[in-house]
Amino acid sequence: PAHMATAVRTPVIGLYATSNPERTGPYFCRELCVNRYPDATSEFLGKAPGALSWGQRVRHPEAMELITIDDVRRKIDDFFAN
């Protein structure tokens, strides 16, 4: 849905921890993505994103829990500030 929305220029806030938003994020709204992928790769894979193969996912059931309400709130505030 995020990719379809941005294709028609509808802003979206993407939440990313299990995949890299530079690879899978919405093309026109990457600045609105919450990116906890680096935190997830460090915590659950023990490596920085640059040390992983392109497209490596974090398949840990707690990865998305790294995203906080405050992370999302900041992106919403950023959107409305611009």
PDB file of N, CA and C in Angstrom:
ATOM      1  N   PRO A   1       0.799  -1.217   0.000  1.00  0.00           N
ATOM      2  CA  PRO A   1       0.000   0.000   0.000  1.00  0.00           C
ATOM      3  C   PRO A   1       0.839   1.278   0.000  1.00  0.00           C
ATOM      4  N   ALA A   2       1.974   1.281   0.697  1.00  0.00           N
ATOM      5  CA  ALA A   2       2.799   2.493   0.740  1.00  0.00           C
ATOM      6  C   ALA A   2       3.323   2.838  -0.644  1.00  0.00           C
ATOM      7  N   HIS A   3       3.732   1.841  -1.402  1.00  0.00           N
ATOM      8  CA  HIS A   3       4.266   2.101  -2.734  1.00  0.00           C
ATOM      9  C   HIS A   3       3.173   2.610  -3.673  1.00  0.00           C
ATOM     10  N   MET A   4       1.984   2.060  -3.543  1.00  0.00           N
ATOM     11  CA  MET A   4       0.869   2.518  -4.372  1.00  0.00           C
ATOM     12  C   MET A   4       0.496   3.953  -4.007  1.00  0.00           C
ATOM     13  N   ALA A   5       0.503   4.261  -2.730  1.00  0.00           N
ATOM     14  CA  ALA A   5       0.165   5.617  -2.288  1.00  0.00           C
ATOM     15  C   ALA A   5       1.175   6.629  -2.811  1.00  0.00           C
ATOM     16  N   THR A   6       2.445   6.329  -2.694  1.00  0.00           N
ATOM     17  CA  THR A   6       3.444   7.302  -3.146  1.00  0.00           C
ATOM     18  C   THR A   6       3.475   7.411  -4.663  1.00  0.00           C
ATOM     19  N   ALA A   7       3.055   6.375  -5.361  1.00  0.00           N
ATOM     20  CA  ALA A   7       2.997   6.441  -6.823  1.00  0.00           C
ATOM     21  C   ALA A   7       2.029   7.526  -7.286  1.00  0.00           C
ATOM     22  N   VAL A   8       1.015   7.804  -6.481  1.00  0.00           N
ATOM     23  CA  VAL A   8       0.068   8.875  -6.807  1.00  0.00           C
ATOM     24  C   VAL A   8       0.294  10.089  -5.899  1.00  0.00           C
ATOM     25  N   ARG A   9       1.510  10.174  -5.362  1.00  0.00           N
ATOM     26  CA  ARG A   9       1.973  11.316  -4.562  1.00  0.00           C
ATOM     27  C   ARG A   9       1.202  11.529  -3.267  1.00  0.00           C
ATOM     28  N   THR A  10       0.732  10.439  -2.668  1.00  0.00           N
ATOM     29  CA  THR A  10       0.118  10.514  -1.349  1.00  0.00           C
ATOM     30  C   THR A  10       1.198  10.215  -0.321  1.00  0.00           C
ATOM     31  N   PRO A  11       1.499  11.134   0.578  1.00  0.00           N
ATOM     32  CA  PRO A  11       2.563  10.897   1.557  1.00  0.00           C
ATOM     33  C   PRO A  11       2.222   9.740   2.502  1.00  0.00           C
ATOM     34  N   VAL A  12       3.236   8.974   2.840  1.00  0.00           N
ATOM     35  CA  VAL A  12       3.083   7.880   3.799  1.00  0.00           C
ATOM     36  C   VAL A  12       4.235   7.924   4.785  1.00  0.00           C
ATOM     37  N   ILE A  13       3.983   7.422   5.964  1.00  0.00           N
ATOM     38  CA  ILE A  13       5.034   7.251   6.960  1.00  0.00           C
ATOM     39  C   ILE A  13       5.315   5.761   7.027  1.00  0.00           C
ATOM     40  N   GLY A  14       6.507   5.374   6.589  1.00  0.00           N
ATOM     41  CA  GLY A  14       6.887   3.963   6.582  1.00  0.00           C
ATOM     42  C   GLY A  14       7.603   3.594   7.867  1.00  0.00           C
ATOM     43  N   LEU A  15       7.343   2.389   8.336  1.00  0.00           N
ATOM     44  CA  LEU A  15       7.976   1.883   9.561  1.00  0.00           C
ATOM     45  C   LEU A  15       8.875   0.717   9.187  1.00  0.00           C
ATOM     46  N   TYR A  16      10.183   0.887   9.397  1.00  0.00           N
ATOM     47  CA  TYR A  16      11.150  -0.105   8.947  1.00  0.00           C
ATOM     48  C   TYR A  16      12.103  -0.518  10.058  1.00  0.00           C
ATOM     49  N   ALA A  17      12.159  -1.799  10.301  1.00  0.00           N
ATOM     50  CA  ALA A  17      13.141  -2.390  11.210  1.00  0.00           C
ATOM     51  C   ALA A  17      13.625  -3.716  10.646  1.00  0.00           C
ATOM     52  N   THR A  18      12.775  -4.403   9.915  1.00  0.00           N
ATOM     53  CA  THR A  18      13.156  -5.720   9.395  1.00  0.00           C
ATOM     54  C   THR A  18      13.779  -5.649   8.014  1.00  0.00           C
ATOM     55  N   SER A  19      13.616  -4.534   7.321  1.00  0.00           N
ATOM     56  CA  SER A  19      14.233  -4.366   6.008  1.00  0.00           C
ATOM     57  C   SER A  19      14.754  -2.942   5.872  1.00  0.00           C
ATOM     58  N   ASN A  20      15.666  -2.765   4.956  1.00  0.00           N
ATOM     59  CA  ASN A  20      16.316  -1.482   4.748  1.00  0.00           C
ATOM     60  C   ASN A  20      15.408  -0.573   3.908  1.00  0.00           C
ATOM     61  N   PRO A  21      14.980   0.567   4.450  1.00  0.00           N
ATOM     62  CA  PRO A  21      14.107   1.440   3.670  1.00  0.00           C
ATOM     63  C   PRO A  21      14.785   2.027   2.436  1.00  0.00           C
ATOM     64  N   GLU A  22      16.116   2.023   2.403  1.00  0.00           N
ATOM     65  CA  GLU A  22      16.810   2.464   1.193  1.00  0.00           C
ATOM     66  C   GLU A  22      16.556   1.494   0.043  1.00  0.00           C
ATOM     67  N   ARG A  23      16.233   0.264   0.378  1.00  0.00           N
ATOM     68  CA  ARG A  23      15.941  -0.756  -0.628  1.00  0.00           C
ATOM     69  C   ARG A  23      14.441  -0.936  -0.825  1.00  0.00           C
ATOM     70  N   THR A  24      13.682  -0.937   0.256  1.00  0.00           N
ATOM     71  CA  THR A  24      12.270  -1.305   0.172  1.00  0.00           C
ATOM     72  C   THR A  24      11.308  -0.180   0.525  1.00  0.00           C
ATOM     73  N   GLY A  25      11.833   0.975   0.871  1.00  0.00           N
ATOM     74  CA  GLY A  25      10.969   2.071   1.298  1.00  0.00           C
ATOM     75  C   GLY A  25      10.235   2.739   0.153  1.00  0.00           C
ATOM     76  N   PRO A  26       9.221   3.521   0.478  1.00  0.00           N
ATOM     77  CA  PRO A  26       8.457   4.229  -0.549  1.00  0.00           C
ATOM     78  C   PRO A  26       9.329   5.274  -1.248  1.00  0.00           C
ATOM     79  N   TYR A  27       9.342   5.236  -2.548  1.00  0.00           N
ATOM     80  CA  TYR A  27      10.272   6.030  -3.349  1.00  0.00           C
ATOM     81  C   TYR A  27      10.171   7.531  -3.087  1.00  0.00           C
ATOM     82  N   PHE A  28       8.977   8.059  -2.991  1.00  0.00           N
ATOM     83  CA  PHE A  28       8.815   9.502  -2.855  1.00  0.00           C
ATOM     84  C   PHE A  28       8.715   9.989  -1.416  1.00  0.00           C
ATOM     85  N   CYS A  29       8.788   9.095  -0.443  1.00  0.00           N
ATOM     86  CA  CYS A  29       8.599   9.512   0.962  1.00  0.00           C
ATOM     87  C   CYS A  29       9.660   8.938   1.897  1.00  0.00           C
ATOM     88  N   ARG A  30      10.840   8.693   1.414  1.00  0.00           N
ATOM     89  CA  ARG A  30      11.847   8.097   2.295  1.00  0.00           C
ATOM     90  C   ARG A  30      12.172   8.980   3.484  1.00  0.00           C
ATOM     91  N   GLU A  31      12.038  10.289   3.318  1.00  0.00           N
ATOM     92  CA  GLU A  31      12.325  11.191   4.438  1.00  0.00           C
ATOM     93  C   GLU A  31      11.306  11.042   5.565  1.00  0.00           C
ATOM     94  N   LEU A  32      10.168  10.414   5.268  1.00  0.00           N
ATOM     95  CA  LEU A  32       9.153  10.190   6.301  1.00  0.00           C
ATOM     96  C   LEU A  32       9.231   8.793   6.909  1.00  0.00           C
ATOM     97  N   CYS A  33      10.239   8.029   6.544  1.00  0.00           N
ATOM     98  CA  CYS A  33      10.368   6.669   7.085  1.00  0.00           C
ATOM     99  C   CYS A  33      11.032   6.682   8.458  1.00  0.00           C
ATOM    100  N   VAL A  34      10.489   5.888   9.349  1.00  0.00           N
ATOM    101  CA  VAL A  34      11.155   5.598  10.616  1.00  0.00           C
ATOM    102  C   VAL A  34      12.093   4.443  10.312  1.00  0.00           C
ATOM    103  N   ASN A  35      13.386   4.676  10.466  1.00  0.00           N
ATOM    104  CA  ASN A  35      14.379   3.671  10.094  1.00  0.00           C
ATOM    105  C   ASN A  35      15.075   3.117  11.338  1.00  0.00           C
ATOM    106  N   ARG A  36      14.633   1.973  11.785  1.00  0.00           N
ATOM    107  CA  ARG A  36      15.289   1.274  12.891  1.00  0.00           C
ATOM    108  C   ARG A  36      16.036   0.043  12.386  1.00  0.00           C
ATOM    109  N   TYR A  37      16.199  -0.039  11.069  1.00  0.00           N
ATOM    110  CA  TYR A  37      16.934  -1.165  10.493  1.00  0.00           C
ATOM    111  C   TYR A  37      18.367  -1.252  11.032  1.00  0.00           C
ATOM    112  N   PRO A  38      19.122  -0.153  11.105  1.00  0.00           N
ATOM    113  CA  PRO A  38      20.476  -0.261  11.669  1.00  0.00           C
ATOM    114  C   PRO A  38      20.480  -0.780  13.108  1.00  0.00           C
ATOM    115  N   ASP A  39      19.506  -0.343  13.900  1.00  0.00           N
ATOM    116  CA  ASP A  39      19.412  -0.826  15.282  1.00  0.00           C
ATOM    117  C   ASP A  39      19.100  -2.318  15.314  1.00  0.00           C
ATOM    118  N   ALA A  40      18.202  -2.742  14.431  1.00  0.00           N
ATOM    119  CA  ALA A  40      17.805  -4.153  14.391  1.00  0.00           C
ATOM    120  C   ALA A  40      18.949  -5.046  13.925  1.00  0.00           C
ATOM    121  N   THR A  41      19.701  -4.597  12.915  1.00  0.00           N
ATOM    122  CA  THR A  41      20.814  -5.438  12.457  1.00  0.00           C
ATOM    123  C   THR A  41      21.876  -5.557  13.540  1.00  0.00           C
ATOM    124  N   SER A  42      22.107  -4.473  14.249  1.00  0.00           N
ATOM    125  CA  SER A  42      23.084  -4.505  15.332  1.00  0.00           C
ATOM    126  C   SER A  42      22.632  -5.416  16.466  1.00  0.00           C
ATOM    127  N   GLU A  43      21.389  -5.239  16.895  1.00  0.00           N
ATOM    128  CA  GLU A  43      20.895  -5.990  18.046  1.00  0.00           C
ATOM    129  C   GLU A  43      20.657  -7.465  17.750  1.00  0.00           C
ATOM    130  N   PHE A  44      20.072  -7.763  16.604  1.00  0.00           N
ATOM    131  CA  PHE A  44      19.644  -9.135  16.344  1.00  0.00           C
ATOM    132  C   PHE A  44      20.576  -9.927  15.428  1.00  0.00           C
ATOM    133  N   LEU A  45      21.411  -9.221  14.645  1.00  0.00           N
ATOM    134  CA  LEU A  45      22.357  -9.914  13.767  1.00  0.00           C
ATOM    135  C   LEU A  45      23.805  -9.672  14.168  1.00  0.00           C
ATOM    136  N   GLY A  46      24.015  -8.692  15.049  1.00  0.00           N
ATOM    137  CA  GLY A  46      25.368  -8.398  15.514  1.00  0.00           C
ATOM    138  C   GLY A  46      26.252  -7.736  14.472  1.00  0.00           C
ATOM    139  N   LYS A  47      25.635  -7.079  13.473  1.00  0.00           N
ATOM    140  CA  LYS A  47      26.405  -6.435  12.408  1.00  0.00           C
ATOM    141  C   LYS A  47      25.762  -5.114  12.014  1.00  0.00           C
ATOM    142  N   ALA A  48      26.583  -4.233  11.469  1.00  0.00           N
ATOM    143  CA  ALA A  48      26.073  -2.988  10.894  1.00  0.00           C
ATOM    144  C   ALA A  48      25.480  -3.292   9.522  1.00  0.00           C
ATOM    145  N   PRO A  49      24.550  -2.472   9.048  1.00  0.00           N
ATOM    146  CA  PRO A  49      23.959  -2.733   7.731  1.00  0.00           C
ATOM    147  C   PRO A  49      24.985  -2.860   6.611  1.00  0.00           C
ATOM    148  N   GLY A  50      26.047  -2.072   6.666  1.00  0.00           N
ATOM    149  CA  GLY A  50      27.078  -2.136   5.629  1.00  0.00           C
ATOM    150  C   GLY A  50      27.835  -3.448   5.585  1.00  0.00           C
ATOM    151  N   ALA A  51      27.792  -4.206   6.665  1.00  0.00           N
ATOM    152  CA  ALA A  51      28.481  -5.496   6.718  1.00  0.00           C
ATOM    153  C   ALA A  51      27.599  -6.643   6.226  1.00  0.00           C
ATOM    154  N   LEU A  52      26.360  -6.336   5.871  1.00  0.00           N
ATOM    155  CA  LEU A  52      25.414  -7.361   5.425  1.00  0.00           C
ATOM    156  C   LEU A  52      25.267  -7.323   3.914  1.00  0.00           C
ATOM    157  N   SER A  53      24.800  -8.417   3.356  1.00  0.00           N
ATOM    158  CA  SER A  53      24.519  -8.420   1.923  1.00  0.00           C
ATOM    159  C   SER A  53      23.306  -7.537   1.655  1.00  0.00           C
ATOM    160  N   TRP A  54      23.296  -6.909   0.475  1.00  0.00           N
ATOM    161  CA  TRP A  54      22.196  -6.026   0.095  1.00  0.00           C
ATOM    162  C   TRP A  54      20.896  -6.824   0.100  1.00  0.00           C
ATOM    163  N   GLY A  55      19.917  -6.332   0.801  1.00  0.00           N
ATOM    164  CA  GLY A  55      18.639  -7.022   0.870  1.00  0.00           C
ATOM    165  C   GLY A  55      18.479  -7.933   2.071  1.00  0.00           C
ATOM    166  N   GLN A  56      19.520  -8.051   2.888  1.00  0.00           N
ATOM    167  CA  GLN A  56      19.428  -8.889   4.090  1.00  0.00           C
ATOM    168  C   GLN A  56      18.328  -8.365   4.994  1.00  0.00           C
ATOM    169  N   ARG A  57      17.458  -9.255   5.416  1.00  0.00           N
ATOM    170  CA  ARG A  57      16.363  -8.873   6.309  1.00  0.00           C
ATOM    171  C   ARG A  57      16.655  -9.328   7.728  1.00  0.00           C
ATOM    172  N   VAL A  58      16.015  -8.680   8.662  1.00  0.00           N
ATOM    173  CA  VAL A  58      16.099  -9.072  10.064  1.00  0.00           C
ATOM    174  C   VAL A  58      14.828  -9.850  10.363  1.00  0.00           C
ATOM    175  N   ARG A  59      14.956 -11.136  10.535  1.00  0.00           N
ATOM    176  CA  ARG A  59      13.780 -11.985  10.752  1.00  0.00           C
ATOM    177  C   ARG A  59      13.679 -12.369  12.229  1.00  0.00           C
ATOM    178  N   HIS A  60      13.545 -11.361  13.036  1.00  0.00           N
ATOM    179  CA  HIS A  60      13.397 -11.572  14.473  1.00  0.00           C
ATOM    180  C   HIS A  60      12.031 -11.036  14.884  1.00  0.00           C
ATOM    181  N   PRO A  61      11.276 -11.798  15.668  1.00  0.00           N
ATOM    182  CA  PRO A  61       9.916 -11.373  16.007  1.00  0.00           C
ATOM    183  C   PRO A  61       9.829 -10.066  16.801  1.00  0.00           C
ATOM    184  N   GLU A  62      10.916  -9.633  17.402  1.00  0.00           N
ATOM    185  CA  GLU A  62      10.885  -8.407  18.201  1.00  0.00           C
ATOM    186  C   GLU A  62      11.475  -7.197  17.477  1.00  0.00           C
ATOM    187  N   ALA A  63      11.872  -7.358  16.244  1.00  0.00           N
ATOM    188  CA  ALA A  63      12.535  -6.260  15.529  1.00  0.00           C
ATOM    189  C   ALA A  63      11.663  -5.015  15.425  1.00  0.00           C
ATOM    190  N   MET A  64      10.402  -5.175  15.088  1.00  0.00           N
ATOM    191  CA  MET A  64       9.527  -4.010  14.921  1.00  0.00           C
ATOM    192  C   MET A  64       9.258  -3.289  16.242  1.00  0.00           C
ATOM    193  N   GLU A  65       9.488  -3.970  17.343  1.00  0.00           N
ATOM    194  CA  GLU A  65       9.302  -3.335  18.651  1.00  0.00           C
ATOM    195  C   GLU A  65      10.342  -2.246  18.921  1.00  0.00           C
ATOM    196  N   LEU A  66      11.382  -2.184  18.105  1.00  0.00           N
ATOM    197  CA  LEU A  66      12.373  -1.115  18.231  1.00  0.00           C
ATOM    198  C   LEU A  66      11.797   0.240  17.824  1.00  0.00           C
ATOM    199  N   ILE A  67      10.724   0.224  17.054  1.00  0.00           N
ATOM    200  CA  ILE A  67      10.070   1.461  16.635  1.00  0.00           C
ATOM    201  C   ILE A  67       9.168   1.938  17.769  1.00  0.00           C
ATOM    202  N   THR A  68       9.380   3.172  18.182  1.00  0.00           N
ATOM    203  CA  THR A  68       8.603   3.713  19.303  1.00  0.00           C
ATOM    204  C   THR A  68       7.499   4.654  18.807  1.00  0.00           C
ATOM    205  N   ILE A  69       6.565   4.889  19.678  1.00  0.00           N
ATOM    206  CA  ILE A  69       5.509   5.859  19.373  1.00  0.00           C
ATOM    207  C   ILE A  69       6.125   7.233  19.129  1.00  0.00           C
ATOM    208  N   ASP A  70       7.148   7.574  19.893  1.00  0.00           N
ATOM    209  CA  ASP A  70       7.808   8.867  19.702  1.00  0.00           C
ATOM    210  C   ASP A  70       8.465   8.965  18.328  1.00  0.00           C
ATOM    211  N   ASP A  71       9.029   7.850  17.828  1.00  0.00           N
ATOM    212  CA  ASP A  71       9.597   7.844  16.472  1.00  0.00           C
ATOM    213  C   ASP A  71       8.530   8.234  15.452  1.00  0.00           C
ATOM    214  N   VAL A  72       7.378   7.613  15.573  1.00  0.00           N
ATOM    215  CA  VAL A  72       6.284   7.867  14.632  1.00  0.00           C
ATOM    216  C   VAL A  72       5.750   9.284  14.809  1.00  0.00           C
ATOM    217  N   ARG A  73       5.590   9.703  16.024  1.00  0.00           N
ATOM    218  CA  ARG A  73       5.100  11.053  16.305  1.00  0.00           C
ATOM    219  C   ARG A  73       6.027  12.107  15.690  1.00  0.00           C
ATOM    220  N   ARG A  74       7.339  11.906  15.786  1.00  0.00           N
ATOM    221  CA  ARG A  74       8.291  12.857  15.197  1.00  0.00           C
ATOM    222  C   ARG A  74       8.105  12.961  13.681  1.00  0.00           C
ATOM    223  N   LYS A  75       7.891  11.827  13.029  1.00  0.00           N
ATOM    224  CA  LYS A  75       7.690  11.850  11.575  1.00  0.00           C
ATOM    225  C   LYS A  75       6.384  12.549  11.211  1.00  0.00           C
ATOM    226  N   ILE A  76       5.351  12.340  12.008  1.00  0.00           N
ATOM    227  CA  ILE A  76       4.087  13.045  11.777  1.00  0.00           C
ATOM    228  C   ILE A  76       4.300  14.547  11.946  1.00  0.00           C
ATOM    229  N   ASP A  77       5.004  14.928  12.998  1.00  0.00           N
ATOM    230  CA  ASP A  77       5.300  16.347  13.222  1.00  0.00           C
ATOM    231  C   ASP A  77       6.126  16.920  12.073  1.00  0.00           C
ATOM    232  N   ASP A  78       7.127  16.158  11.601  1.00  0.00           N
ATOM    233  CA  ASP A  78       7.944  16.601  10.463  1.00  0.00           C
ATOM    234  C   ASP A  78       7.076  16.851   9.235  1.00  0.00           C
ATOM    235  N   PHE A  79       6.153  15.935   8.990  1.00  0.00           N
ATOM    236  CA  PHE A  79       5.280  16.066   7.825  1.00  0.00           C
ATOM    237  C   PHE A  79       4.452  17.345   7.907  1.00  0.00           C
ATOM    238  N   PHE A  80       3.826  17.579   9.038  1.00  0.00           N
ATOM    239  CA  PHE A  80       2.960  18.748   9.162  1.00  0.00           C
ATOM    240  C   PHE A  80       3.744  20.053   9.275  1.00  0.00           C
ATOM    241  N   ALA A  81       5.002  19.981   9.669  1.00  0.00           N
ATOM    242  CA  ALA A  81       5.839  21.182   9.741  1.00  0.00           C
ATOM    243  C   ALA A  81       6.253  21.663   8.352  1.00  0.00           C
ATOM    244  N   ASN A  82       6.239  20.760   7.395  1.00  0.00           N
ATOM    245  CA  ASN A  82       6.642  21.121   6.023  1.00  0.00           C
ATOM    246  C   ASN A  82       5.414  21.281   5.206  1.00  0.00           C
TER     247      ASN A  82
END
